[in-house]
Structure formats: structure tokens, C-alpha cells
């Protein structure tokens, strides 16, 4: 009986015990907030550029040496006694004139044949050097029995000015004319011809010149009127066709420039 009662007692107790309540639903987990991102630290400012070092001070400027004052040049000083070195003065003259020629004319008459001359000079002191070209044309100007010749000459000469040194210290127009007056002496070669026939002759050049200045004194260049006379004394007499070529005299007026 006791065993039955023991078996029945637990069942009755279990029958009287109320049924357990269902467990409450679990709350959903809270949503975690996103982590706060830390702001990046501010960028560091670049270091300030270092100022370039100041340039060193310039060296002190040396004082200019005192300028030596040269003593004035006088006639007694050695500097004034030494002649200045300069090139010789040169000149060129171009002009026209007449050749006094008797060769080839009947009865040995002397005629004035038009001529042309160009003369160049080096030096205007007591002695100088010159070269000249002379030409005259008689062909076609005269009829037979006159048979003159055409002449073409080339002369080299020394020019002597005897008054250049004596009148050097004197002023005035006449002194300038006297200083430029000269005597010519040299050698010449002349070619004489008639149409296709010709001959040559050598001779001694002689001449005189007188120059008249046309510009004021003291100019670096001077314009002059040259009056000149030339005679070629042949060493022999060539014969061209039937004409014996003899000596002639040229008279020319030329305009020249000395520089």
C-alpha cells in the first residue's frame, strides 16, 4: 500500500504543479555604433627655406694712381725734335692738252695734236716719284701728203722740287705754289703707229710742272690745277711706213688731287 501510495503521490504532485511559463523572448542585441574615425593629424608645415647667406662685402676699391702730368712739348724737348712717321703724300692728275708734233707733216710743219695725260705721284717733299701715261691721236685728222703718227707713252720719273725745303716754313699762296713746282727726269717708252703699222722707241723723259692750289691751306686733301710740259728725247728714230718719228713736246693742263 505504501508502495502504491508512493507512486501515486509524485504523479499527484506533478499534476498540481502549474506548467512553467515559456521563456521570454530575448531582446535583439543593440546595434553597435560605428567606431569614430580619428581625424588625421594636420599636415606639418614645410620648414621655412633658409635664407641664403649674405654675400661677403666687396673688397675695398684701390684709389686710382695719380695721373702724371707730362711736361709741355717745346721746340727744345727731345720729343719735338724727333720727326713724326707718316706715309708720303700721294697725288693723281688727269688732264688734256696738245702734242707739238712735226713728224709726218709736209715741209716739217709743227702741228698741235690733241693729247690726254694721267700722272700719279708719291711724295711731295724735295724728291718724289711719278708715273705717267700720255696719248695723242692724229689718225683721220689730216690728209695726204701729211702722214702723222698716233703716240702712246708710258714714263717713270723722279720729281725734284728745289724750293720745297726752303719755302716750308713760309705761308701764303705763292709759297704753296713754289713748294709744289718741280722738275721731272726719267725714262720713257713710246709706241708710234699708223693704222696697222707701228714702231717703238725709248727715250729720256724731261718735264716741268707748276701746280696752283684751289683749296685752302691745311686741308687733309688739296685740289690743284697742274700745268705741265713734257719732252721725250728719243734714243733713236723709228720709221713707221714712210714717216720718221722724231721727238715731241706735250703741253697739258690737268686737275689733280693730293691726299
Protein backbone atom coordinates (compact mmCIF):
# COMPACT_ATOMS: atom_id res chain seq x y z
CA UNK A 1 0.00 0.00 0.00
CA UNK A 2 2.74 2.15 0.90
CA UNK A 3 4.40 1.48 -2.41
CA UNK A 4 1.26 2.37 -4.30
CA UNK A 5 0.83 5.46 -2.30
CA UNK A 6 4.40 6.47 -3.01
CA UNK A 7 3.89 6.01 -6.68
CA UNK A 8 0.62 7.94 -6.71
CA UNK A 9 1.96 10.82 -4.62
CA UNK A 10 4.50 12.10 -7.11
CA UNK A 11 2.07 11.99 -10.01
CA UNK A 12 -0.49 14.00 -7.92
CA UNK A 13 2.18 16.49 -7.04
CA UNK A 14 3.13 16.81 -10.63
CA UNK A 15 -0.49 17.25 -11.57
CA UNK A 16 -0.98 20.08 -9.12
CA UNK A 17 2.18 21.88 -10.08
CA UNK A 18 1.37 24.55 -12.67
CA UNK A 19 3.03 24.36 -16.08
CA UNK A 20 6.09 26.53 -16.41
CA UNK A 21 5.75 29.75 -18.42
CA UNK A 22 7.53 29.91 -21.74
CA UNK A 23 10.75 31.82 -21.59
CA UNK A 24 10.55 35.43 -22.57
CA UNK A 25 11.88 36.22 -25.99
CA UNK A 26 15.41 37.54 -25.85
CA UNK A 27 15.83 41.19 -26.79
CA UNK A 28 17.66 41.69 -30.02
CA UNK A 29 21.18 42.80 -29.47
CA UNK A 30 21.75 46.53 -29.71
CA UNK A 31 23.32 47.66 -32.99
CA UNK A 32 26.81 48.73 -32.27
CA UNK A 33 27.58 52.27 -33.41
CA UNK A 34 30.34 52.54 -35.97
CA UNK A 35 33.60 53.45 -34.43
CA UNK A 36 34.53 57.09 -34.63
CA UNK A 37 37.31 57.52 -37.15
CA UNK A 38 40.02 59.60 -35.72
CA UNK A 39 40.77 62.71 -37.75
CA UNK A 40 44.23 62.63 -39.36
CA UNK A 41 46.66 64.96 -37.69
CA UNK A 42 47.15 68.24 -39.54
CA UNK A 43 49.95 68.16 -42.07
CA UNK A 44 53.09 69.63 -40.74
CA UNK A 45 54.08 72.90 -42.39
CA UNK A 46 57.23 72.64 -44.52
CA UNK A 47 60.19 74.11 -42.82
CA UNK A 48 60.86 77.67 -43.87
CA UNK A 49 63.59 77.95 -46.51
CA UNK A 50 66.77 79.07 -45.01
CA UNK A 51 67.78 82.50 -46.19
CA UNK A 52 70.95 82.49 -48.33
CA UNK A 53 73.94 83.76 -46.53
CA UNK A 54 74.65 87.39 -47.12
CA UNK A 55 77.37 87.96 -49.78
CA UNK A 56 80.69 88.99 -48.42
CA UNK A 57 81.34 92.69 -48.61
CA UNK A 58 83.22 93.78 -51.77
CA UNK A 59 86.91 94.35 -51.36
CA UNK A 60 87.87 97.95 -50.93
CA UNK A 61 88.49 99.72 -54.25
CA UNK A 62 92.03 100.87 -54.55
CA UNK A 63 92.37 104.50 -55.23
CA UNK A 64 93.42 105.35 -58.80
CA UNK A 65 97.05 106.27 -59.04
CA UNK A 66 97.65 109.90 -59.67
CA UNK A 67 97.93 110.80 -63.36
CA UNK A 68 101.34 112.00 -64.26
CA UNK A 69 101.19 115.33 -65.96
CA UNK A 70 103.50 115.40 -68.95
CA UNK A 71 105.55 118.48 -69.39
CA UNK A 72 104.61 120.64 -72.37
CA UNK A 73 106.40 119.83 -75.58
CA UNK A 74 108.64 122.65 -76.70
CA UNK A 75 110.99 123.11 -79.58
CA UNK A 76 113.92 122.19 -77.30
CA UNK A 77 112.39 118.94 -75.98
CA UNK A 78 113.67 115.65 -77.49
CA UNK A 79 110.13 114.56 -78.42
CA UNK A 80 109.63 117.58 -80.62
CA UNK A 81 112.98 117.01 -82.28
CA UNK A 82 112.01 113.53 -83.49
CA UNK A 83 110.16 113.66 -86.85
CA UNK A 84 106.69 112.12 -86.95
CA UNK A 85 106.44 108.95 -89.03
CA UNK A 86 103.72 109.25 -91.68
CA UNK A 87 103.09 107.94 -95.15
CA UNK A 88 104.22 110.07 -98.09
CA UNK A 89 101.58 112.20 -99.68
CA UNK A 90 100.16 110.94 -102.95
CA UNK A 91 98.53 112.73 -105.86
CA UNK A 92 96.84 111.96 -109.14
CA UNK A 93 96.17 114.34 -112.01
CA UNK A 94 94.07 113.84 -115.14
CA UNK A 95 94.03 116.33 -117.96
CA UNK A 96 94.20 117.15 -121.65
CA UNK A 97 96.43 119.23 -123.84
CA UNK A 98 98.28 119.26 -127.11
CA UNK A 99 101.26 117.44 -128.59
CA UNK A 100 103.51 119.67 -130.68
CA UNK A 101 104.49 117.21 -133.41
CA UNK A 102 106.33 117.74 -136.69
CA UNK A 103 106.73 114.06 -137.66
CA UNK A 104 104.88 113.10 -140.83
CA UNK A 105 103.90 116.60 -141.90
CA UNK A 106 104.95 118.08 -145.24
CA UNK A 107 107.58 120.78 -145.09
CA UNK A 108 108.22 119.72 -141.48
CA UNK A 109 105.39 121.83 -140.17
CA UNK A 110 104.64 121.57 -136.47
CA UNK A 111 101.02 120.88 -135.58
CA UNK A 112 99.17 120.76 -132.27
CA UNK A 113 97.58 117.30 -131.93
CA UNK A 114 95.04 116.72 -129.08
CA UNK A 115 96.53 114.65 -126.27
CA UNK A 116 95.46 113.05 -122.99
CA UNK A 117 97.56 112.52 -119.86
CA UNK A 118 97.26 110.77 -116.48
CA UNK A 119 100.04 111.21 -113.92
CA UNK A 120 100.37 109.76 -110.42
CA UNK A 121 102.86 110.92 -107.79
CA UNK A 122 104.22 109.63 -104.50
CA UNK A 123 105.80 112.15 -102.14
CA UNK A 124 105.51 115.92 -102.05
CA UNK A 125 108.87 116.82 -100.50
CA UNK A 126 112.14 117.73 -102.14
CA UNK A 127 112.17 114.43 -104.05
CA UNK A 128 109.32 112.21 -105.19
CA UNK A 129 108.39 109.53 -107.69
CA UNK A 130 105.95 109.73 -110.57
CA UNK A 131 104.46 107.67 -113.37
CA UNK A 132 102.55 108.99 -116.34
CA UNK A 133 100.59 107.78 -119.35
CA UNK A 134 100.43 110.02 -122.42
CA UNK A 135 98.42 109.55 -125.59
CA UNK A 136 97.81 111.57 -128.77
CA UNK A 137 95.68 110.75 -131.79
CA UNK A 138 96.39 112.13 -135.26
CA UNK A 139 94.80 109.43 -137.44
CA UNK A 140 91.99 110.71 -139.60
CA UNK A 141 92.67 114.37 -138.81
CA UNK A 142 94.93 115.09 -141.76
CA UNK A 143 95.02 114.23 -145.46
CA UNK A 144 97.99 113.19 -147.64
CA UNK A 145 100.71 114.17 -148.05
CA UNK A 146 100.58 114.61 -144.25
CA UNK A 147 101.11 111.25 -142.50
CA UNK A 148 101.45 111.86 -138.73
CA UNK A 149 101.52 109.05 -136.17
CA UNK A 150 99.48 108.22 -133.08
CA UNK A 151 101.54 108.11 -129.88
CA UNK A 152 101.09 106.17 -126.65
CA UNK A 153 103.76 106.58 -123.98
CA UNK A 154 104.49 105.29 -120.51
CA UNK A 155 107.03 107.23 -118.43
CA UNK A 156 108.56 106.77 -114.99
CA UNK A 157 110.31 109.73 -113.46
CA UNK A 158 111.85 111.32 -110.42
CA UNK A 159 110.27 114.62 -109.38
CA UNK A 160 112.59 117.21 -107.85
CA UNK A 161 111.15 120.23 -106.02
CA UNK A 162 114.10 122.55 -105.33
CA UNK A 163 112.07 125.09 -103.32
CA UNK A 164 110.14 122.66 -101.14
CA UNK A 165 112.52 122.81 -98.18
CA UNK A 166 113.38 126.48 -98.46
CA UNK A 167 109.71 127.56 -98.53
CA UNK A 168 108.48 125.01 -95.99
CA UNK A 169 108.25 127.47 -93.08
CA UNK A 170 106.64 130.24 -95.11
CA UNK A 171 102.93 130.75 -95.52
CA UNK A 172 100.93 132.34 -98.26
CA UNK A 173 99.69 131.27 -101.64
CA UNK A 174 102.93 131.97 -103.52
CA UNK A 175 104.88 129.82 -101.07
CA UNK A 176 102.50 126.92 -101.67
CA UNK A 177 102.95 127.30 -105.43
CA UNK A 178 106.73 127.43 -105.07
CA UNK A 179 106.85 124.31 -102.88
CA UNK A 180 104.89 122.25 -105.45
CA UNK A 181 106.82 123.40 -108.53
CA UNK A 182 109.09 120.66 -109.81
CA UNK A 183 111.43 119.26 -112.43
CA UNK A 184 110.89 115.80 -113.92
CA UNK A 185 113.62 113.45 -115.11
CA UNK A 186 113.22 109.78 -116.02
CA UNK A 187 112.79 107.20 -118.76
CA UNK A 188 110.01 106.65 -121.24
CA UNK A 189 108.71 104.07 -123.69
CA UNK A 190 106.58 105.22 -126.61
CA UNK A 191 104.65 103.27 -129.22
CA UNK A 192 104.03 105.08 -132.51
CA UNK A 193 101.63 103.83 -135.15
CA UNK A 194 99.72 104.43 -138.35
CA UNK A 195 96.75 102.16 -138.79
CA UNK A 196 98.21 98.61 -138.72
CA UNK A 197 101.84 99.74 -138.80
CA UNK A 198 103.70 100.68 -135.64
CA UNK A 199 107.10 101.12 -134.07
CA UNK A 200 108.60 101.63 -130.63
CA UNK A 201 111.19 103.95 -129.22
CA UNK A 202 112.88 104.50 -125.87
CA UNK A 203 113.88 107.90 -124.61
CA UNK A 204 114.72 110.19 -121.75
CA UNK A 205 111.75 111.88 -120.10
CA UNK A 206 112.18 115.54 -119.19
CA UNK A 207 109.49 117.84 -117.88
CA UNK A 208 108.40 120.82 -115.83
CA UNK A 209 105.32 121.27 -113.66
CA UNK A 210 103.58 124.13 -111.90
CA UNK A 211 100.69 123.48 -109.52
CA UNK A 212 98.12 126.08 -108.47
CA UNK A 213 96.21 125.14 -105.26
CA UNK A 214 92.43 125.56 -105.49
CA UNK A 215 91.58 124.79 -101.83
CA UNK A 216 92.57 126.50 -98.56
CA UNK A 217 95.79 125.53 -96.85
CA UNK A 218 95.84 122.99 -94.03
CA UNK A 219 93.26 120.63 -95.55
CA UNK A 220 93.93 116.86 -95.49
CA UNK A 221 93.32 116.80 -99.26
CA UNK A 222 94.03 119.51 -101.79
CA UNK A 223 92.67 120.15 -105.26
CA UNK A 224 95.22 121.59 -107.64
CA UNK A 225 95.44 122.79 -111.21
CA UNK A 226 98.59 121.37 -112.78
CA UNK A 227 100.27 122.97 -115.77
CA UNK A 228 102.95 120.68 -117.19
CA UNK A 229 105.30 120.33 -120.11
CA UNK A 230 106.91 117.05 -121.23
CA UNK A 231 109.51 116.23 -123.84
CA UNK A 232 110.65 112.72 -124.66
CA UNK A 233 114.17 112.73 -126.13
CA UNK A 234 114.35 109.52 -128.14
CA UNK A 235 117.46 107.36 -128.16
CA UNK A 236 116.76 106.52 -131.82
CA UNK A 237 114.25 107.40 -134.55
CA UNK A 238 111.98 104.56 -135.75
CA UNK A 239 110.39 104.68 -139.21
CA UNK A 240 106.67 103.86 -139.48
CA UNK A 241 105.59 103.44 -143.12
CA UNK A 242 107.23 106.50 -144.67
CA UNK A 243 107.28 108.65 -141.53
CA UNK A 244 110.37 109.14 -139.42
CA UNK A 245 109.26 109.54 -135.82
CA UNK A 246 111.00 112.38 -134.03
CA UNK A 247 110.79 113.95 -130.59
CA UNK A 248 107.68 115.77 -129.44
CA UNK A 249 106.65 118.20 -126.72
CA UNK A 250 103.37 117.83 -124.75
CA UNK A 251 101.64 120.71 -123.01
CA UNK A 252 98.88 119.67 -120.62
CA UNK A 253 96.51 121.23 -118.10
CA UNK A 254 95.25 118.74 -115.53
CA UNK A 255 93.05 118.74 -112.46
CA UNK A 256 94.75 116.93 -109.61
CA UNK A 257 94.03 115.80 -106.06
CA UNK A 258 96.75 115.47 -103.43
CA UNK A 259 95.93 113.37 -100.34
